[in-house]
């Protein structure tokens, strides 16, 4: 059974930083892209970032480009999302994802809340 477990969410003030982590287990994730989506109540889930298995290619939404950095340790099925210069509009539940297609992942974590106060 595939399991994705996120950690690192919390409450910060605007301009501060947070680092999210996700550990994957239950299968071999080689060739899989890992990533992050986020969701605000009443809105659809939004793609945030993704990274290929090798770590050679990354993808970012325009809203986070230049502020967020995604990285992964393939040997440990571990990925991180470093979030800098956080804004109140970044407030959401952040979900770790995995799958062959970054925009349509096969697996989802349970989510971790990120709240940015102004």
PDB file of N, CA and C in Angstrom:
ATOM      1  N   UNK A   1       0.841  -1.190   0.000  1.00  0.00           N
ATOM      2  CA  UNK A   1       0.000   0.000   0.000  1.00  0.00           C
ATOM      3  C   UNK A   1       0.880   1.244   0.000  1.00  0.00           C
ATOM      4  N   UNK A   2       0.636   2.126  -0.965  1.00  0.00           N
ATOM      5  CA  UNK A   2       1.414   3.350  -1.072  1.00  0.00           C
ATOM      6  C   UNK A   2       0.974   4.333   0.001  1.00  0.00           C
ATOM      7  N   UNK A   3       1.943   4.964   0.623  1.00  0.00           N
ATOM      8  CA  UNK A   3       1.640   5.964   1.642  1.00  0.00           C
ATOM      9  C   UNK A   3       2.563   7.162   1.475  1.00  0.00           C
ATOM     10  N   UNK A   4       1.966   8.340   1.485  1.00  0.00           N
ATOM     11  CA  UNK A   4       2.710   9.601   1.454  1.00  0.00           C
ATOM     12  C   UNK A   4       2.380  10.349   2.735  1.00  0.00           C
ATOM     13  N   UNK A   5       3.410  10.743   3.471  1.00  0.00           N
ATOM     14  CA  UNK A   5       3.189  11.412   4.757  1.00  0.00           C
ATOM     15  C   UNK A   5       3.915  12.748   4.753  1.00  0.00           C
ATOM     16  N   UNK A   6       3.129  13.815   4.917  1.00  0.00           N
ATOM     17  CA  UNK A   6       3.691  15.166   4.931  1.00  0.00           C
ATOM     18  C   UNK A   6       4.004  15.615   6.360  1.00  0.00           C
ATOM     19  N   UNK A   7       4.916  16.560   6.465  1.00  0.00           N
ATOM     20  CA  UNK A   7       5.212  17.199   7.748  1.00  0.00           C
ATOM     21  C   UNK A   7       5.742  18.595   7.482  1.00  0.00           C
ATOM     22  N   UNK A   8       5.708  19.437   8.509  1.00  0.00           N
ATOM     23  CA  UNK A   8       6.334  20.752   8.406  1.00  0.00           C
ATOM     24  C   UNK A   8       5.389  21.930   8.281  1.00  0.00           C
ATOM     25  N   UNK A   9       4.095  21.678   8.208  1.00  0.00           N
ATOM     26  CA  UNK A   9       3.160  22.799   8.111  1.00  0.00           C
ATOM     27  C   UNK A   9       3.105  23.577   9.413  1.00  0.00           C
ATOM     28  N   UNK A  10       2.426  24.722   9.382  1.00  0.00           N
ATOM     29  CA  UNK A  10       2.290  25.509  10.591  1.00  0.00           C
ATOM     30  C   UNK A  10       1.804  26.903  10.311  1.00  0.00           C
ATOM     31  N   UNK A  11       1.925  27.758  11.311  1.00  0.00           N
ATOM     32  CA  UNK A  11       1.485  29.155  11.235  1.00  0.00           C
ATOM     33  C   UNK A  11       2.701  30.066  11.248  1.00  0.00           C
ATOM     34  N   UNK A  12       2.792  30.930  10.238  1.00  0.00           N
ATOM     35  CA  UNK A  12       3.888  31.883  10.159  1.00  0.00           C
ATOM     36  C   UNK A  12       3.333  33.239   9.752  1.00  0.00           C
ATOM     37  N   UNK A  13       4.181  34.261   9.879  1.00  0.00           N
ATOM     38  CA  UNK A  13       3.794  35.591   9.421  1.00  0.00           C
ATOM     39  C   UNK A  13       4.266  35.801   7.983  1.00  0.00           C
ATOM     40  N   UNK A  14       3.629  36.717   7.331  1.00  0.00           N
ATOM     41  CA  UNK A  14       4.012  37.042   5.953  1.00  0.00           C
ATOM     42  C   UNK A  14       5.488  37.414   5.894  1.00  0.00           C
ATOM     43  N   UNK A  15       6.165  36.901   4.865  1.00  0.00           N
ATOM     44  CA  UNK A  15       7.587  37.150   4.686  1.00  0.00           C
ATOM     45  C   UNK A  15       8.479  36.082   5.284  1.00  0.00           C
ATOM     46  N   UNK A  16       7.913  35.241   6.144  1.00  0.00           N
ATOM     47  CA  UNK A  16       8.694  34.182   6.764  1.00  0.00           C
ATOM     48  C   UNK A  16       8.756  32.940   5.869  1.00  0.00           C
ATOM     49  N   UNK A  17       9.441  31.912   6.374  1.00  0.00           N
ATOM     50  CA  UNK A  17       9.661  30.700   5.588  1.00  0.00           C
ATOM     51  C   UNK A  17       9.159  29.462   6.322  1.00  0.00           C
ATOM     52  N   UNK A  18       8.855  28.437   5.546  1.00  0.00           N
ATOM     53  CA  UNK A  18       8.516  27.117   6.063  1.00  0.00           C
ATOM     54  C   UNK A  18       9.101  26.075   5.125  1.00  0.00           C
ATOM     55  N   UNK A  19       9.384  24.905   5.688  1.00  0.00           N
ATOM     56  CA  UNK A  19       9.863  23.806   4.865  1.00  0.00           C
ATOM     57  C   UNK A  19       8.964  22.602   5.088  1.00  0.00           C
ATOM     58  N   UNK A  20       8.340  22.152   4.005  1.00  0.00           N
ATOM     59  CA  UNK A  20       7.512  20.957   4.052  1.00  0.00           C
ATOM     60  C   UNK A  20       8.335  19.750   3.603  1.00  0.00           C
ATOM     61  N   UNK A  21       8.038  18.616   4.202  1.00  0.00           N
ATOM     62  CA  UNK A  21       8.693  17.372   3.815  1.00  0.00           C
ATOM     63  C   UNK A  21       7.648  16.296   3.567  1.00  0.00           C
ATOM     64  N   UNK A  22       8.021  15.325   2.751  1.00  0.00           N
ATOM     65  CA  UNK A  22       7.118  14.211   2.456  1.00  0.00           C
ATOM     66  C   UNK A  22       7.951  12.958   2.272  1.00  0.00           C
ATOM     67  N   UNK A  23       7.564  11.904   2.968  1.00  0.00           N
ATOM     68  CA  UNK A  23       8.228  10.620   2.797  1.00  0.00           C
ATOM     69  C   UNK A  23       7.239   9.638   2.185  1.00  0.00           C
ATOM     70  N   UNK A  24       7.702   8.916   1.168  1.00  0.00           N
ATOM     71  CA  UNK A  24       6.863   7.970   0.456  1.00  0.00           C
ATOM     72  C   UNK A  24       7.277   6.540   0.792  1.00  0.00           C
ATOM     73  N   UNK A  25       6.322   5.658   0.873  1.00  0.00           N
ATOM     74  CA  UNK A  25       6.613   4.255   1.151  1.00  0.00           C
ATOM     75  C   UNK A  25       5.590   3.363   0.474  1.00  0.00           C
ATOM     76  N   UNK A  26       5.919   2.092   0.356  1.00  0.00           N
ATOM     77  CA  UNK A  26       4.962   1.123  -0.148  1.00  0.00           C
ATOM     78  C   UNK A  26       5.225   0.637  -1.560  1.00  0.00           C
ATOM     79  N   UNK A  27       6.132   1.285  -2.268  1.00  0.00           N
ATOM     80  CA  UNK A  27       6.500   0.823  -3.607  1.00  0.00           C
ATOM     81  C   UNK A  27       7.782   1.505  -4.013  1.00  0.00           C
ATOM     82  N   UNK A  28       8.291   1.116  -5.170  1.00  0.00           N
ATOM     83  CA  UNK A  28       9.460   1.774  -5.725  1.00  0.00           C
ATOM     84  C   UNK A  28       9.002   2.954  -6.564  1.00  0.00           C
ATOM     85  N   UNK A  29       9.506   4.128  -6.244  1.00  0.00           N
ATOM     86  CA  UNK A  29       9.055   5.337  -6.911  1.00  0.00           C
ATOM     87  C   UNK A  29       9.991   5.782  -8.020  1.00  0.00           C
ATOM     88  N   UNK A  30      10.869   4.918  -8.427  1.00  0.00           N
ATOM     89  CA  UNK A  30      11.743   5.285  -9.539  1.00  0.00           C
ATOM     90  C   UNK A  30      10.894   5.549 -10.775  1.00  0.00           C
ATOM     91  N   UNK A  31      11.226   6.563 -11.514  1.00  0.00           N
ATOM     92  CA  UNK A  31      10.538   7.070 -12.700  1.00  0.00           C
ATOM     93  C   UNK A  31       9.307   7.891 -12.341  1.00  0.00           C
ATOM     94  N   UNK A  32       8.935   7.960 -11.079  1.00  0.00           N
ATOM     95  CA  UNK A  32       7.795   8.770 -10.672  1.00  0.00           C
ATOM     96  C   UNK A  32       8.235  10.204 -10.400  1.00  0.00           C
ATOM     97  N   UNK A  33       7.360  11.120 -10.753  1.00  0.00           N
ATOM     98  CA  UNK A  33       7.511  12.505 -10.354  1.00  0.00           C
ATOM     99  C   UNK A  33       6.844  12.688  -9.003  1.00  0.00           C
ATOM    100  N   UNK A  34       7.479  13.428  -8.133  1.00  0.00           N
ATOM    101  CA  UNK A  34       6.849  13.779  -6.862  1.00  0.00           C
ATOM    102  C   UNK A  34       6.572  15.275  -6.860  1.00  0.00           C
ATOM    103  N   UNK A  35       5.530  15.659  -6.141  1.00  0.00           N
ATOM    104  CA  UNK A  35       5.177  17.074  -6.185  1.00  0.00           C
ATOM    105  C   UNK A  35       4.294  17.519  -5.044  1.00  0.00           C
ATOM    106  N   UNK A  36       3.766  18.716  -5.210  1.00  0.00           N
ATOM    107  CA  UNK A  36       2.893  19.331  -4.212  1.00  0.00           C
ATOM    108  C   UNK A  36       1.724  20.037  -4.897  1.00  0.00           C
ATOM    109  N   UNK A  37       0.566  19.850  -4.331  1.00  0.00           N
ATOM    110  CA  UNK A  37      -0.622  20.609  -4.669  1.00  0.00           C
ATOM    111  C   UNK A  37      -1.074  21.316  -3.390  1.00  0.00           C
ATOM    112  N   UNK A  38      -1.950  22.292  -3.540  1.00  0.00           N
ATOM    113  CA  UNK A  38      -2.543  22.936  -2.376  1.00  0.00           C
ATOM    114  C   UNK A  38      -4.012  23.224  -2.638  1.00  0.00           C
ATOM    115  N   UNK A  39      -4.757  23.370  -1.549  1.00  0.00           N
ATOM    116  CA  UNK A  39      -6.195  23.608  -1.694  1.00  0.00           C
ATOM    117  C   UNK A  39      -6.685  24.530  -0.588  1.00  0.00           C
ATOM    118  N   UNK A  40      -7.485  25.485  -1.002  1.00  0.00           N
ATOM    119  CA  UNK A  40      -8.178  26.397  -0.106  1.00  0.00           C
ATOM    120  C   UNK A  40      -9.637  25.966  -0.061  1.00  0.00           C
ATOM    121  N   UNK A  41     -10.279  26.000   1.091  1.00  0.00           N
ATOM    122  CA  UNK A  41     -11.691  25.585   1.164  1.00  0.00           C
ATOM    123  C   UNK A  41     -12.546  26.290   0.124  1.00  0.00           C
ATOM    124  N   UNK A  42     -13.344  25.501  -0.586  1.00  0.00           N
ATOM    125  CA  UNK A  42     -14.230  26.054  -1.589  1.00  0.00           C
ATOM    126  C   UNK A  42     -13.610  26.203  -2.959  1.00  0.00           C
ATOM    127  N   UNK A  43     -12.327  25.878  -3.072  1.00  0.00           N
ATOM    128  CA  UNK A  43     -11.651  25.988  -4.364  1.00  0.00           C
ATOM    129  C   UNK A  43     -11.053  24.643  -4.751  1.00  0.00           C
ATOM    130  N   UNK A  44     -10.740  24.502  -6.033  1.00  0.00           N
ATOM    131  CA  UNK A  44     -10.123  23.274  -6.518  1.00  0.00           C
ATOM    132  C   UNK A  44      -8.661  23.204  -6.087  1.00  0.00           C
ATOM    133  N   UNK A  45      -8.156  21.980  -6.055  1.00  0.00           N
ATOM    134  CA  UNK A  45      -6.744  21.808  -5.743  1.00  0.00           C
ATOM    135  C   UNK A  45      -5.900  22.442  -6.842  1.00  0.00           C
ATOM    136  N   UNK A  46      -4.815  23.080  -6.424  1.00  0.00           N
ATOM    137  CA  UNK A  46      -3.955  23.836  -7.337  1.00  0.00           C
ATOM    138  C   UNK A  46      -2.561  23.229  -7.353  1.00  0.00           C
ATOM    139  N   UNK A  47      -2.020  23.020  -8.537  1.00  0.00           N
ATOM    140  CA  UNK A  47      -0.655  22.548  -8.666  1.00  0.00           C
ATOM    141  C   UNK A  47       0.308  23.601  -8.126  1.00  0.00           C
ATOM    142  N   UNK A  48       1.320  23.133  -7.366  1.00  0.00           N
ATOM    143  CA  UNK A  48       2.317  24.040  -6.810  1.00  0.00           C
ATOM    144  C   UNK A  48       3.686  23.788  -7.428  1.00  0.00           C
ATOM    145  N   UNK A  49       4.172  22.557  -7.332  1.00  0.00           N
ATOM    146  CA  UNK A  49       5.512  22.245  -7.823  1.00  0.00           C
ATOM    147  C   UNK A  49       5.655  20.743  -7.995  1.00  0.00           C
ATOM    148  N   UNK A  50       6.647  20.336  -8.809  1.00  0.00           N
ATOM    149  CA  UNK A  50       6.933  18.915  -8.998  1.00  0.00           C
ATOM    150  C   UNK A  50       8.393  18.757  -9.380  1.00  0.00           C
ATOM    151  N   UNK A  51       8.893  17.540  -9.168  1.00  0.00           N
ATOM    152  CA  UNK A  51      10.291  17.242  -9.471  1.00  0.00           C
ATOM    153  C   UNK A  51      10.393  15.809  -9.968  1.00  0.00           C
ATOM    154  N   UNK A  52      11.216  15.591 -10.980  1.00  0.00           N
ATOM    155  CA  UNK A  52      11.387  14.252 -11.523  1.00  0.00           C
ATOM    156  C   UNK A  52      12.208  13.384 -10.577  1.00  0.00           C
ATOM    157  N   UNK A  53      12.190  12.081 -10.848  1.00  0.00           N
ATOM    158  CA  UNK A  53      12.894  11.134  -9.985  1.00  0.00           C
ATOM    159  C   UNK A  53      14.371  11.490  -9.829  1.00  0.00           C
ATOM    160  N   UNK A  54      14.985  11.857 -10.936  1.00  0.00           N
ATOM    161  CA  UNK A  54      16.418  12.172 -10.899  1.00  0.00           C
ATOM    162  C   UNK A  54      16.692  13.513 -10.253  1.00  0.00           C
ATOM    163  N   UNK A  55      15.665  14.330 -10.162  1.00  0.00           N
ATOM    164  CA  UNK A  55      15.852  15.680  -9.629  1.00  0.00           C
ATOM    165  C   UNK A  55      16.348  16.665 -10.666  1.00  0.00           C
ATOM    166  N   UNK A  56      16.458  16.212 -11.909  1.00  0.00           N
ATOM    167  CA  UNK A  56      17.042  17.061 -12.947  1.00  0.00           C
ATOM    168  C   UNK A  56      16.059  18.086 -13.495  1.00  0.00           C
ATOM    169  N   UNK A  57      14.774  17.825 -13.337  1.00  0.00           N
ATOM    170  CA  UNK A  57      13.759  18.737 -13.870  1.00  0.00           C
ATOM    171  C   UNK A  57      12.759  19.094 -12.785  1.00  0.00           C
ATOM    172  N   UNK A  58      12.474  20.386 -12.686  1.00  0.00           N
ATOM    173  CA  UNK A  58      11.483  20.863 -11.727  1.00  0.00           C
ATOM    174  C   UNK A  58      10.420  21.681 -12.436  1.00  0.00           C
ATOM    175  N   UNK A  59       9.256  21.732 -11.829  1.00  0.00           N
ATOM    176  CA  UNK A  59       8.126  22.471 -12.369  1.00  0.00           C
ATOM    177  C   UNK A  59       7.537  23.313 -11.244  1.00  0.00           C
ATOM    178  N   UNK A  60       7.139  24.531 -11.581  1.00  0.00           N
ATOM    179  CA  UNK A  60       6.538  25.423 -10.590  1.00  0.00           C
ATOM    180  C   UNK A  60       5.349  26.160 -11.206  1.00  0.00           C
ATOM    181  N   UNK A  61       4.370  26.435 -10.364  1.00  0.00           N
ATOM    182  CA  UNK A  61       3.302  27.314 -10.806  1.00  0.00           C
ATOM    183  C   UNK A  61       3.842  28.743 -10.815  1.00  0.00           C
ATOM    184  N   UNK A  62       3.241  29.588 -11.608  1.00  0.00           N
ATOM    185  CA  UNK A  62       3.692  30.976 -11.692  1.00  0.00           C
ATOM    186  C   UNK A  62       3.578  31.688 -10.351  1.00  0.00           C
ATOM    187  N   UNK A  63       2.602  31.283  -9.549  1.00  0.00           N
ATOM    188  CA  UNK A  63       2.351  31.971  -8.291  1.00  0.00           C
ATOM    189  C   UNK A  63       3.442  31.731  -7.246  1.00  0.00           C
ATOM    190  N   UNK A  64       4.233  30.674  -7.406  1.00  0.00           N
ATOM    191  CA  UNK A  64       5.271  30.373  -6.407  1.00  0.00           C
ATOM    192  C   UNK A  64       6.677  30.432  -6.979  1.00  0.00           C
ATOM    193  N   UNK A  65       6.792  30.551  -8.285  1.00  0.00           N
ATOM    194  CA  UNK A  65       8.104  30.551  -8.924  1.00  0.00           C
ATOM    195  C   UNK A  65       8.971  31.668  -8.348  1.00  0.00           C
ATOM    196  N   UNK A  66      10.199  31.327  -7.992  1.00  0.00           N
ATOM    197  CA  UNK A  66      11.108  32.300  -7.413  1.00  0.00           C
ATOM    198  C   UNK A  66      11.042  32.379  -5.903  1.00  0.00           C
ATOM    199  N   UNK A  67      10.006  31.808  -5.314  1.00  0.00           N
ATOM    200  CA  UNK A  67       9.865  31.838  -3.848  1.00  0.00           C
ATOM    201  C   UNK A  67       9.953  30.435  -3.244  1.00  0.00           C
ATOM    202  N   UNK A  68       9.469  29.441  -3.965  1.00  0.00           N
ATOM    203  CA  UNK A  68       9.466  28.063  -3.481  1.00  0.00           C
ATOM    204  C   UNK A  68      10.521  27.259  -4.228  1.00  0.00           C
ATOM    205  N   UNK A  69      11.116  26.293  -3.533  1.00  0.00           N
ATOM    206  CA  UNK A  69      12.088  25.395  -4.143  1.00  0.00           C
ATOM    207  C   UNK A  69      11.766  23.960  -3.751  1.00  0.00           C
ATOM    208  N   UNK A  70      11.636  23.107  -4.759  1.00  0.00           N
ATOM    209  CA  UNK A  70      11.367  21.699  -4.504  1.00  0.00           C
ATOM    210  C   UNK A  70      12.648  20.903  -4.683  1.00  0.00           C
ATOM    211  N   UNK A  71      12.831  19.891  -3.841  1.00  0.00           N
ATOM    212  CA  UNK A  71      14.002  19.032  -3.938  1.00  0.00           C
ATOM    213  C   UNK A  71      13.614  17.631  -3.495  1.00  0.00           C
ATOM    214  N   UNK A  72      14.443  16.649  -3.835  1.00  0.00           N
ATOM    215  CA  UNK A  72      14.135  15.286  -3.394  1.00  0.00           C
ATOM    216  C   UNK A  72      15.402  14.483  -3.196  1.00  0.00           C
ATOM    217  N   UNK A  73      15.266  13.487  -2.329  1.00  0.00           N
ATOM    218  CA  UNK A  73      16.302  12.492  -2.098  1.00  0.00           C
ATOM    219  C   UNK A  73      15.724  11.168  -2.576  1.00  0.00           C
ATOM    220  N   UNK A  74      16.031  10.799  -3.809  1.00  0.00           N
ATOM    221  CA  UNK A  74      15.423   9.617  -4.400  1.00  0.00           C
ATOM    222  C   UNK A  74      15.717   8.339  -3.648  1.00  0.00           C
ATOM    223  N   UNK A  75      16.919   8.252  -3.091  1.00  0.00           N
ATOM    224  CA  UNK A  75      17.297   7.041  -2.369  1.00  0.00           C
ATOM    225  C   UNK A  75      16.412   6.830  -1.152  1.00  0.00           C
ATOM    226  N   UNK A  76      15.864   7.909  -0.625  1.00  0.00           N
ATOM    227  CA  UNK A  76      15.039   7.813   0.574  1.00  0.00           C
ATOM    228  C   UNK A  76      13.574   8.072   0.293  1.00  0.00           C
ATOM    229  N   UNK A  77      13.195   8.193  -0.995  1.00  0.00           N
ATOM    230  CA  UNK A  77      11.802   8.521  -1.326  1.00  0.00           C
ATOM    231  C   UNK A  77      11.320   9.722  -0.517  1.00  0.00           C
ATOM    232  N   UNK A  78      12.133  10.724  -0.460  1.00  0.00           N
ATOM    233  CA  UNK A  78      11.870  11.901   0.369  1.00  0.00           C
ATOM    234  C   UNK A  78      11.909  13.137  -0.501  1.00  0.00           C
ATOM    235  N   UNK A  79      10.965  14.035  -0.273  1.00  0.00           N
ATOM    236  CA  UNK A  79      11.005  15.301  -0.990  1.00  0.00           C
ATOM    237  C   UNK A  79      10.732  16.436  -0.013  1.00  0.00           C
ATOM    238  N   UNK A  80      11.171  17.642  -0.424  1.00  0.00           N
ATOM    239  CA  UNK A  80      10.990  18.821   0.404  1.00  0.00           C
ATOM    240  C   UNK A  80      10.452  19.967  -0.450  1.00  0.00           C
ATOM    241  N   UNK A  81       9.751  20.866   0.204  1.00  0.00           N
ATOM    242  CA  UNK A  81       9.318  22.101  -0.438  1.00  0.00           C
ATOM    243  C   UNK A  81       9.733  23.247   0.480  1.00  0.00           C
ATOM    244  N   UNK A  82      10.743  23.974   0.073  1.00  0.00           N
ATOM    245  CA  UNK A  82      11.199  25.144   0.818  1.00  0.00           C
ATOM    246  C   UNK A  82      10.390  26.333   0.350  1.00  0.00           C
ATOM    247  N   UNK A  83       9.672  26.949   1.279  1.00  0.00           N
ATOM    248  CA  UNK A  83       8.787  28.054   0.936  1.00  0.00           C
ATOM    249  C   UNK A  83       9.295  29.319   1.605  1.00  0.00           C
ATOM    250  N   UNK A  84       9.743  30.263   0.814  1.00  0.00           N
ATOM    251  CA  UNK A  84      10.267  31.536   1.314  1.00  0.00           C
ATOM    252  C   UNK A  84       9.339  32.676   0.936  1.00  0.00           C
ATOM    253  N   UNK A  85       9.506  33.789   1.607  1.00  0.00           N
ATOM    254  CA  UNK A  85       8.702  34.986   1.321  1.00  0.00           C
ATOM    255  C   UNK A  85       7.221  34.653   1.253  1.00  0.00           C
ATOM    256  N   UNK A  86       6.748  33.950   2.243  1.00  0.00           N
ATOM    257  CA  UNK A  86       5.358  33.501   2.233  1.00  0.00           C
ATOM    258  C   UNK A  86       4.387  34.671   2.285  1.00  0.00           C
ATOM    259  N   UNK A  87       3.267  34.485   1.614  1.00  0.00           N
ATOM    260  CA  UNK A  87       2.218  35.500   1.537  1.00  0.00           C
ATOM    261  C   UNK A  87       0.922  34.928   2.115  1.00  0.00           C
ATOM    262  N   UNK A  88       0.026  35.782   2.571  1.00  0.00           N
ATOM    263  CA  UNK A  88      -1.255  35.274   3.078  1.00  0.00           C
ATOM    264  C   UNK A  88      -1.993  34.402   2.060  1.00  0.00           C
ATOM    265  N   UNK A  89      -1.846  34.704   0.793  1.00  0.00           N
ATOM    266  CA  UNK A  89      -2.525  33.905  -0.234  1.00  0.00           C
ATOM    267  C   UNK A  89      -1.912  32.523  -0.421  1.00  0.00           C
ATOM    268  N   UNK A  90      -0.798  32.244   0.249  1.00  0.00           N
ATOM    269  CA  UNK A  90      -0.238  30.898   0.238  1.00  0.00           C
ATOM    270  C   UNK A  90      -0.921  29.997   1.269  1.00  0.00           C
ATOM    271  N   UNK A  91      -1.767  30.566   2.085  1.00  0.00           N
ATOM    272  CA  UNK A  91      -2.494  29.788   3.083  1.00  0.00           C
ATOM    273  C   UNK A  91      -3.350  28.725   2.404  1.00  0.00           C
ATOM    274  N   UNK A  92      -3.149  27.466   2.804  1.00  0.00           N
ATOM    275  CA  UNK A  92      -3.860  26.353   2.190  1.00  0.00           C
ATOM    276  C   UNK A  92      -3.452  25.053   2.879  1.00  0.00           C
ATOM    277  N   UNK A  93      -4.141  23.990   2.535  1.00  0.00           N
ATOM    278  CA  UNK A  93      -3.672  22.646   2.883  1.00  0.00           C
ATOM    279  C   UNK A  93      -2.784  22.178   1.733  1.00  0.00           C
ATOM    280  N   UNK A  94      -1.585  21.751   2.075  1.00  0.00           N
ATOM    281  CA  UNK A  94      -0.613  21.324   1.082  1.00  0.00           C
ATOM    282  C   UNK A  94      -0.543  19.802   1.051  1.00  0.00           C
ATOM    283  N   UNK A  95      -0.642  19.238  -0.165  1.00  0.00           N
ATOM    284  CA  UNK A  95      -0.657  17.794  -0.350  1.00  0.00           C
ATOM    285  C   UNK A  95       0.579  17.331  -1.103  1.00  0.00           C
ATOM    286  N   UNK A  96       1.208  16.318  -0.586  1.00  0.00           N
ATOM    287  CA  UNK A  96       2.300  15.645  -1.283  1.00  0.00           C
ATOM    288  C   UNK A  96       1.697  14.699  -2.317  1.00  0.00           C
ATOM    289  N   UNK A  97       2.311  14.624  -3.498  1.00  0.00           N
ATOM    290  CA  UNK A  97       1.780  13.772  -4.556  1.00  0.00           C
ATOM    291  C   UNK A  97       2.903  12.976  -5.218  1.00  0.00           C
ATOM    292  N   UNK A  98       2.499  11.910  -5.919  1.00  0.00           N
ATOM    293  CA  UNK A  98       3.452  11.101  -6.677  1.00  0.00           C
ATOM    294  C   UNK A  98       2.746  10.451  -7.850  1.00  0.00           C
ATOM    295  N   UNK A  99       3.468  10.316  -8.961  1.00  0.00           N
ATOM    296  CA  UNK A  99       2.897   9.681 -10.139  1.00  0.00           C
ATOM    297  C   UNK A  99       3.736   9.980 -11.353  1.00  0.00           C
ATOM    298  N   UNK A 100       3.452   9.321 -12.464  1.00  0.00           N
ATOM    299  CA  UNK A 100       4.241   9.551 -13.678  1.00  0.00           C
ATOM    300  C   UNK A 100       3.958  10.888 -14.358  1.00  0.00           C
ATOM    301  N   UNK A 101       2.780  11.460 -14.103  1.00  0.00           N
ATOM    302  CA  UNK A 101       2.405  12.720 -14.736  1.00  0.00           C
ATOM    303  C   UNK A 101       2.269  13.790 -13.648  1.00  0.00           C
ATOM    304  N   UNK A 102       3.088  14.838 -13.680  1.00  0.00           N
ATOM    305  CA  UNK A 102       3.074  15.834 -12.590  1.00  0.00           C
ATOM    306  C   UNK A 102       1.718  16.474 -12.353  1.00  0.00           C
ATOM    307  N   UNK A 103       0.975  16.759 -13.419  1.00  0.00           N
ATOM    308  CA  UNK A 103      -0.292  17.472 -13.278  1.00  0.00           C
ATOM    309  C   UNK A 103      -1.449  16.567 -12.888  1.00  0.00           C
ATOM    310  N   UNK A 104      -1.233  15.254 -12.930  1.00  0.00           N
ATOM    311  CA  UNK A 104      -2.297  14.311 -12.602  1.00  0.00           C
ATOM    312  C   UNK A 104      -1.717  13.144 -11.813  1.00  0.00           C
ATOM    313  N   UNK A 105      -1.375  13.383 -10.557  1.00  0.00           N
ATOM    314  CA  UNK A 105      -0.702  12.335  -9.777  1.00  0.00           C
ATOM    315  C   UNK A 105      -1.616  11.166  -9.419  1.00  0.00           C
ATOM    316  N   UNK A 106      -0.984  10.023  -9.200  1.00  0.00           N
ATOM    317  CA  UNK A 106      -1.711   8.816  -8.828  1.00  0.00           C
ATOM    318  C   UNK A 106      -1.925   8.719  -7.327  1.00  0.00           C
ATOM    319  N   UNK A 107      -1.012   9.279  -6.572  1.00  0.00           N
ATOM    320  CA  UNK A 107      -1.039   9.128  -5.126  1.00  0.00           C
ATOM    321  C   UNK A 107      -1.015  10.491  -4.436  1.00  0.00           C
ATOM    322  N   UNK A 108      -1.733  10.549  -3.303  1.00  0.00           N
ATOM    323  CA  UNK A 108      -1.858  11.785  -2.531  1.00  0.00           C
ATOM    324  C   UNK A 108      -1.630  11.508  -1.050  1.00  0.00           C
ATOM    325  N   UNK A 109      -0.999  12.466  -0.382  1.00  0.00           N
ATOM    326  CA  UNK A 109      -0.914  12.403   1.071  1.00  0.00           C
ATOM    327  C   UNK A 109      -2.175  12.955   1.704  1.00  0.00           C
ATOM    328  N   UNK A 110      -2.177  12.993   3.016  1.00  0.00           N
ATOM    329  CA  UNK A 110      -3.347  13.469   3.758  1.00  0.00           C
ATOM    330  C   UNK A 110      -3.391  14.982   3.858  1.00  0.00           C
ATOM    331  N   UNK A 111      -2.280  15.636   3.640  1.00  0.00           N
ATOM    332  CA  UNK A 111      -2.250  17.091   3.660  1.00  0.00           C
ATOM    333  C   UNK A 111      -1.716  17.663   4.958  1.00  0.00           C
ATOM    334  N   UNK A 112      -1.113  18.836   4.849  1.00  0.00           N
ATOM    335  CA  UNK A 112      -0.631  19.560   6.024  1.00  0.00           C
ATOM    336  C   UNK A 112      -1.009  21.031   5.870  1.00  0.00           C
ATOM    337  N   UNK A 113      -1.493  21.624   6.955  1.00  0.00           N
ATOM    338  CA  UNK A 113      -1.997  22.995   6.890  1.00  0.00           C
ATOM    339  C   UNK A 113      -0.849  23.993   6.971  1.00  0.00           C
ATOM    340  N   UNK A 114      -0.884  24.958   6.066  1.00  0.00           N
ATOM    341  CA  UNK A 114       0.028  26.099   6.103  1.00  0.00           C
ATOM    342  C   UNK A 114      -0.823  27.352   6.218  1.00  0.00           C
ATOM    343  N   UNK A 115      -0.565  28.146   7.244  1.00  0.00           N
ATOM    344  CA  UNK A 115      -1.305  29.382   7.453  1.00  0.00           C
ATOM    345  C   UNK A 115      -0.320  30.542   7.556  1.00  0.00           C
ATOM    346  N   UNK A 116      -0.547  31.553   6.708  1.00  0.00           N
ATOM    347  CA  UNK A 116       0.324  32.725   6.682  1.00  0.00           C
ATOM    348  C   UNK A 116      -0.502  33.934   7.096  1.00  0.00           C
ATOM    349  N   UNK A 117      -0.137  34.543   8.194  1.00  0.00           N
ATOM    350  CA  UNK A 117      -0.877  35.712   8.687  1.00  0.00           C
ATOM    351  C   UNK A 117      -0.246  36.992   8.158  1.00  0.00           C
ATOM    352  N   UNK A 118      -1.095  37.992   7.987  1.00  0.00           N
ATOM    353  CA  UNK A 118      -0.602  39.276   7.442  1.00  0.00           C
ATOM    354  C   UNK A 118      -0.166  40.218   8.542  1.00  0.00           C
TER     355      UNK A 118
END
